[in-house]
Amino acid sequence: MHLKIIRDDQWLSQRLQFLWTSYFKDVKELNPIIIKFGRNSRLRLGSIRFDRRTKTSHIRITSIFKNPKIPQSVVDHTIAHELIHYAHGFSSSRIRLHKYPHAGGVVRNEMRERGMEYLYLSYKQWIKQYRLALRRANGW
């Protein structure tokens, strides 16, 4: 008997907690982080925004990731990517470490330094196939 895992907002929160406790122990959570599935975006897979009124960071993950055919490592990569932005002071109350959020490959470098390069490599492999499928489906 297989246990069916439902990918919902609670599941996303569990994935965030796993990543936080496994790879971001050194990053103090200065403001709360809320993660939820957002709209069904094919191109923007994740985003993080800071609500200055409530002092809360909000991570949104595309609803296409509710599909269990999308590898969990790809979802984890997307969450980790947004957590790196948080840690670097983007969309959080932390001090900014860089002028731009993706300057000089800082996200990939941070993933490597934190032992998450396997997530990056899994994502890169998946995104090639995903983009090819998008092009075919849309006649690009």
C-alpha atoms as a PDB file:
ATOM      1  CA  MET A   1       0.000   0.000   0.000  1.00  0.00           C
ATOM      2  CA  HIS A   2       1.371   3.389  -1.037  1.00  0.00           C
ATOM      3  CA  LEU A   3       0.881   6.451   1.091  1.00  0.00           C
ATOM      4  CA  LYS A   4      -0.468   9.217  -1.105  1.00  0.00           C
ATOM      5  CA  ILE A   5       1.185  12.529  -0.292  1.00  0.00           C
ATOM      6  CA  ILE A   6      -0.984  15.532  -1.005  1.00  0.00           C
ATOM      7  CA  ARG A   7       0.964  18.565  -2.098  1.00  0.00           C
ATOM      8  CA  ASP A   8      -0.798  21.416  -0.372  1.00  0.00           C
ATOM      9  CA  ASP A   9       0.265  24.463   1.656  1.00  0.00           C
ATOM     10  CA  GLN A  10       0.918  22.287   4.707  1.00  0.00           C
ATOM     11  CA  TRP A  11       3.228  20.062   2.647  1.00  0.00           C
ATOM     12  CA  LEU A  12       5.064  23.193   1.424  1.00  0.00           C
ATOM     13  CA  SER A  13       5.490  24.360   5.023  1.00  0.00           C
ATOM     14  CA  GLN A  14       6.955  20.971   5.929  1.00  0.00           C
ATOM     15  CA  ARG A  15       9.402  21.167   3.013  1.00  0.00           C
ATOM     16  CA  LEU A  16      10.426  24.694   4.086  1.00  0.00           C
ATOM     17  CA  GLN A  17      10.967  23.527   7.681  1.00  0.00           C
ATOM     18  CA  PHE A  18      13.047  20.579   6.494  1.00  0.00           C
ATOM     19  CA  LEU A  19      15.247  22.829   4.351  1.00  0.00           C
ATOM     20  CA  TRP A  20      15.535  25.471   7.066  1.00  0.00           C
ATOM     21  CA  THR A  21      16.601  23.024   9.788  1.00  0.00           C
ATOM     22  CA  SER A  22      18.889  21.059   7.452  1.00  0.00           C
ATOM     23  CA  TYR A  23      20.680  23.874   5.621  1.00  0.00           C
ATOM     24  CA  PHE A  24      19.934  27.262   7.179  1.00  0.00           C
ATOM     25  CA  LYS A  25      20.543  26.675  10.909  1.00  0.00           C
ATOM     26  CA  ASP A  26      22.975  29.593  10.950  1.00  0.00           C
ATOM     27  CA  VAL A  27      20.412  32.077   9.568  1.00  0.00           C
ATOM     28  CA  LYS A  28      18.396  33.739  12.300  1.00  0.00           C
ATOM     29  CA  GLU A  29      14.733  34.116  11.362  1.00  0.00           C
ATOM     30  CA  LEU A  30      14.289  37.846  11.997  1.00  0.00           C
ATOM     31  CA  ASN A  31      10.749  37.902  10.658  1.00  0.00           C
ATOM     32  CA  PRO A  32       8.171  35.165  10.009  1.00  0.00           C
ATOM     33  CA  ILE A  33       8.126  33.331   6.672  1.00  0.00           C
ATOM     34  CA  ILE A  34       4.837  32.119   5.223  1.00  0.00           C
ATOM     35  CA  ILE A  35       4.849  29.775   2.232  1.00  0.00           C
ATOM     36  CA  LYS A  36       1.872  28.931   0.023  1.00  0.00           C
ATOM     37  CA  PHE A  37       1.060  27.784  -3.436  1.00  0.00           C
ATOM     38  CA  GLY A  38       0.304  30.704  -5.712  1.00  0.00           C
ATOM     39  CA  ARG A  39      -1.165  30.945  -9.153  1.00  0.00           C
ATOM     40  CA  ASN A  40      -0.536  28.371 -11.830  1.00  0.00           C
ATOM     41  CA  SER A  41       2.512  30.034 -13.391  1.00  0.00           C
ATOM     42  CA  ARG A  42       4.494  28.183 -16.043  1.00  0.00           C
ATOM     43  CA  LEU A  43       7.459  30.570 -16.031  1.00  0.00           C
ATOM     44  CA  ARG A  44       7.753  32.093 -12.541  1.00  0.00           C
ATOM     45  CA  LEU A  45       8.270  29.067 -10.342  1.00  0.00           C
ATOM     46  CA  GLY A  46       8.723  30.903  -7.061  1.00  0.00           C
ATOM     47  CA  SER A  47       8.898  34.357  -5.535  1.00  0.00           C
ATOM     48  CA  ILE A  48       9.397  36.031  -2.178  1.00  0.00           C
ATOM     49  CA  ARG A  49       7.853  39.314  -1.055  1.00  0.00           C
ATOM     50  CA  PHE A  50       8.132  41.293   2.176  1.00  0.00           C
ATOM     51  CA  ASP A  51       5.005  42.812   3.707  1.00  0.00           C
ATOM     52  CA  ARG A  52       6.259  45.922   5.494  1.00  0.00           C
ATOM     53  CA  ARG A  53       2.956  46.326   7.342  1.00  0.00           C
ATOM     54  CA  THR A  54       3.019  42.873   8.975  1.00  0.00           C
ATOM     55  CA  LYS A  55       6.828  42.412   8.793  1.00  0.00           C
ATOM     56  CA  THR A  56       6.304  39.010   7.184  1.00  0.00           C
ATOM     57  CA  SER A  57       8.045  37.370   4.226  1.00  0.00           C
ATOM     58  CA  HIS A  58       5.710  35.537   1.849  1.00  0.00           C
ATOM     59  CA  ILE A  59       7.011  32.811  -0.446  1.00  0.00           C
ATOM     60  CA  ARG A  60       4.754  31.791  -3.315  1.00  0.00           C
ATOM     61  CA  ILE A  61       5.373  28.604  -5.281  1.00  0.00           C
ATOM     62  CA  THR A  62       3.710  27.899  -8.626  1.00  0.00           C
ATOM     63  CA  SER A  63       0.702  25.599  -8.400  1.00  0.00           C
ATOM     64  CA  ILE A  64       2.111  23.388 -11.159  1.00  0.00           C
ATOM     65  CA  PHE A  65       4.318  21.943  -8.416  1.00  0.00           C
ATOM     66  CA  LYS A  66       1.230  20.349  -6.843  1.00  0.00           C
ATOM     67  CA  ASN A  67       1.621  17.694  -9.533  1.00  0.00           C
ATOM     68  CA  PRO A  68       3.486  14.713  -8.024  1.00  0.00           C
ATOM     69  CA  LYS A  69       5.177  14.140 -11.409  1.00  0.00           C
ATOM     70  CA  ILE A  70       7.347  17.199 -10.661  1.00  0.00           C
ATOM     71  CA  PRO A  71      10.348  15.886  -8.700  1.00  0.00           C
ATOM     72  CA  GLN A  72      10.362  16.918  -5.042  1.00  0.00           C
ATOM     73  CA  SER A  73      13.978  18.011  -5.492  1.00  0.00           C
ATOM     74  CA  VAL A  74      12.799  20.651  -7.988  1.00  0.00           C
ATOM     75  CA  VAL A  75      10.274  21.984  -5.480  1.00  0.00           C
ATOM     76  CA  ASP A  76      12.949  21.932  -2.761  1.00  0.00           C
ATOM     77  CA  HIS A  77      15.337  23.786  -5.062  1.00  0.00           C
ATOM     78  CA  THR A  78      12.743  26.501  -5.645  1.00  0.00           C
ATOM     79  CA  ILE A  79      12.063  26.892  -1.916  1.00  0.00           C
ATOM     80  CA  ALA A  80      15.789  26.918  -1.122  1.00  0.00           C
ATOM     81  CA  HIS A  81      16.331  29.544  -3.829  1.00  0.00           C
ATOM     82  CA  GLU A  82      13.790  31.826  -2.128  1.00  0.00           C
ATOM     83  CA  LEU A  83      15.282  31.120   1.308  1.00  0.00           C
ATOM     84  CA  ILE A  84      18.661  32.222  -0.007  1.00  0.00           C
ATOM     85  CA  HIS A  85      17.096  35.516  -1.077  1.00  0.00           C
ATOM     86  CA  TYR A  86      15.693  35.821   2.460  1.00  0.00           C
ATOM     87  CA  ALA A  87      19.104  35.071   4.006  1.00  0.00           C
ATOM     88  CA  HIS A  88      20.740  37.655   1.728  1.00  0.00           C
ATOM     89  CA  GLY A  89      18.325  40.359   2.886  1.00  0.00           C
ATOM     90  CA  PHE A  90      15.959  40.405  -0.080  1.00  0.00           C
ATOM     91  CA  SER A  91      12.269  40.466   0.887  1.00  0.00           C
ATOM     92  CA  SER A  92      13.158  40.136   4.560  1.00  0.00           C
ATOM     93  CA  SER A  93      14.118  42.379   7.455  1.00  0.00           C
ATOM     94  CA  ARG A  94      17.728  41.176   7.215  1.00  0.00           C
ATOM     95  CA  ILE A  95      20.563  43.387   5.976  1.00  0.00           C
ATOM     96  CA  ARG A  96      21.185  43.085   2.236  1.00  0.00           C
ATOM     97  CA  LEU A  97      24.418  41.346   1.396  1.00  0.00           C
ATOM     98  CA  HIS A  98      24.444  42.191  -2.333  1.00  0.00           C
ATOM     99  CA  LYS A  99      23.161  44.935  -4.601  1.00  0.00           C
ATOM    100  CA  TYR A 100      21.223  42.486  -6.796  1.00  0.00           C
ATOM    101  CA  PRO A 101      19.635  39.157  -5.752  1.00  0.00           C
ATOM    102  CA  HIS A 102      21.351  37.078  -8.475  1.00  0.00           C
ATOM    103  CA  ALA A 103      24.617  39.027  -8.796  1.00  0.00           C
ATOM    104  CA  GLY A 104      27.525  36.891  -9.947  1.00  0.00           C
ATOM    105  CA  GLY A 105      25.783  33.569  -9.382  1.00  0.00           C
ATOM    106  CA  VAL A 106      25.384  34.111  -5.617  1.00  0.00           C
ATOM    107  CA  VAL A 107      22.379  31.785  -5.379  1.00  0.00           C
ATOM    108  CA  ARG A 108      24.181  28.817  -6.923  1.00  0.00           C
ATOM    109  CA  ASN A 109      27.329  29.549  -4.905  1.00  0.00           C
ATOM    110  CA  GLU A 110      25.283  29.656  -1.701  1.00  0.00           C
ATOM    111  CA  MET A 111      23.589  26.365  -2.591  1.00  0.00           C
ATOM    112  CA  ARG A 112      26.993  24.770  -3.131  1.00  0.00           C
ATOM    113  CA  GLU A 113      28.380  26.160   0.144  1.00  0.00           C
ATOM    114  CA  ARG A 114      25.340  24.916   2.062  1.00  0.00           C
ATOM    115  CA  GLY A 115      25.542  21.399   0.595  1.00  0.00           C
ATOM    116  CA  MET A 116      22.534  21.769  -1.710  1.00  0.00           C
ATOM    117  CA  GLU A 117      24.210  21.562  -5.092  1.00  0.00           C
ATOM    118  CA  TYR A 118      22.381  18.268  -5.682  1.00  0.00           C
ATOM    119  CA  LEU A 119      19.126  20.296  -5.686  1.00  0.00           C
ATOM    120  CA  TYR A 120      20.563  22.749  -8.192  1.00  0.00           C
ATOM    121  CA  LEU A 121      21.732  19.948 -10.491  1.00  0.00           C
ATOM    122  CA  SER A 122      18.356  18.198 -10.279  1.00  0.00           C
ATOM    123  CA  TYR A 123      16.611  21.466 -11.129  1.00  0.00           C
ATOM    124  CA  LYS A 124      18.932  22.140 -14.103  1.00  0.00           C
ATOM    125  CA  GLN A 125      18.243  18.677 -15.509  1.00  0.00           C
ATOM    126  CA  TRP A 126      14.471  19.076 -15.055  1.00  0.00           C
ATOM    127  CA  ILE A 127      14.274  22.644 -16.428  1.00  0.00           C
ATOM    128  CA  LYS A 128      15.863  21.603 -19.751  1.00  0.00           C
ATOM    129  CA  GLN A 129      13.110  19.046 -20.337  1.00  0.00           C
ATOM    130  CA  TYR A 130      10.422  21.399 -19.022  1.00  0.00           C
ATOM    131  CA  ARG A 131      11.432  24.248 -21.356  1.00  0.00           C
ATOM    132  CA  LEU A 132      11.545  21.852 -24.302  1.00  0.00           C
ATOM    133  CA  ALA A 133       8.006  20.642 -23.489  1.00  0.00           C
ATOM    134  CA  LEU A 134       6.813  24.251 -23.182  1.00  0.00           C
ATOM    135  CA  ARG A 135       8.293  25.144 -26.575  1.00  0.00           C
ATOM    136  CA  ARG A 136       6.680  22.141 -28.222  1.00  0.00           C
ATOM    137  CA  ALA A 137       3.312  22.774 -26.596  1.00  0.00           C
ATOM    138  CA  ASN A 138       3.307  26.443 -27.620  1.00  0.00           C
ATOM    139  CA  GLY A 139       4.934  26.112 -31.021  1.00  0.00           C
ATOM    140  CA  TRP A 140       7.939  28.277 -30.110  1.00  0.00           C
END
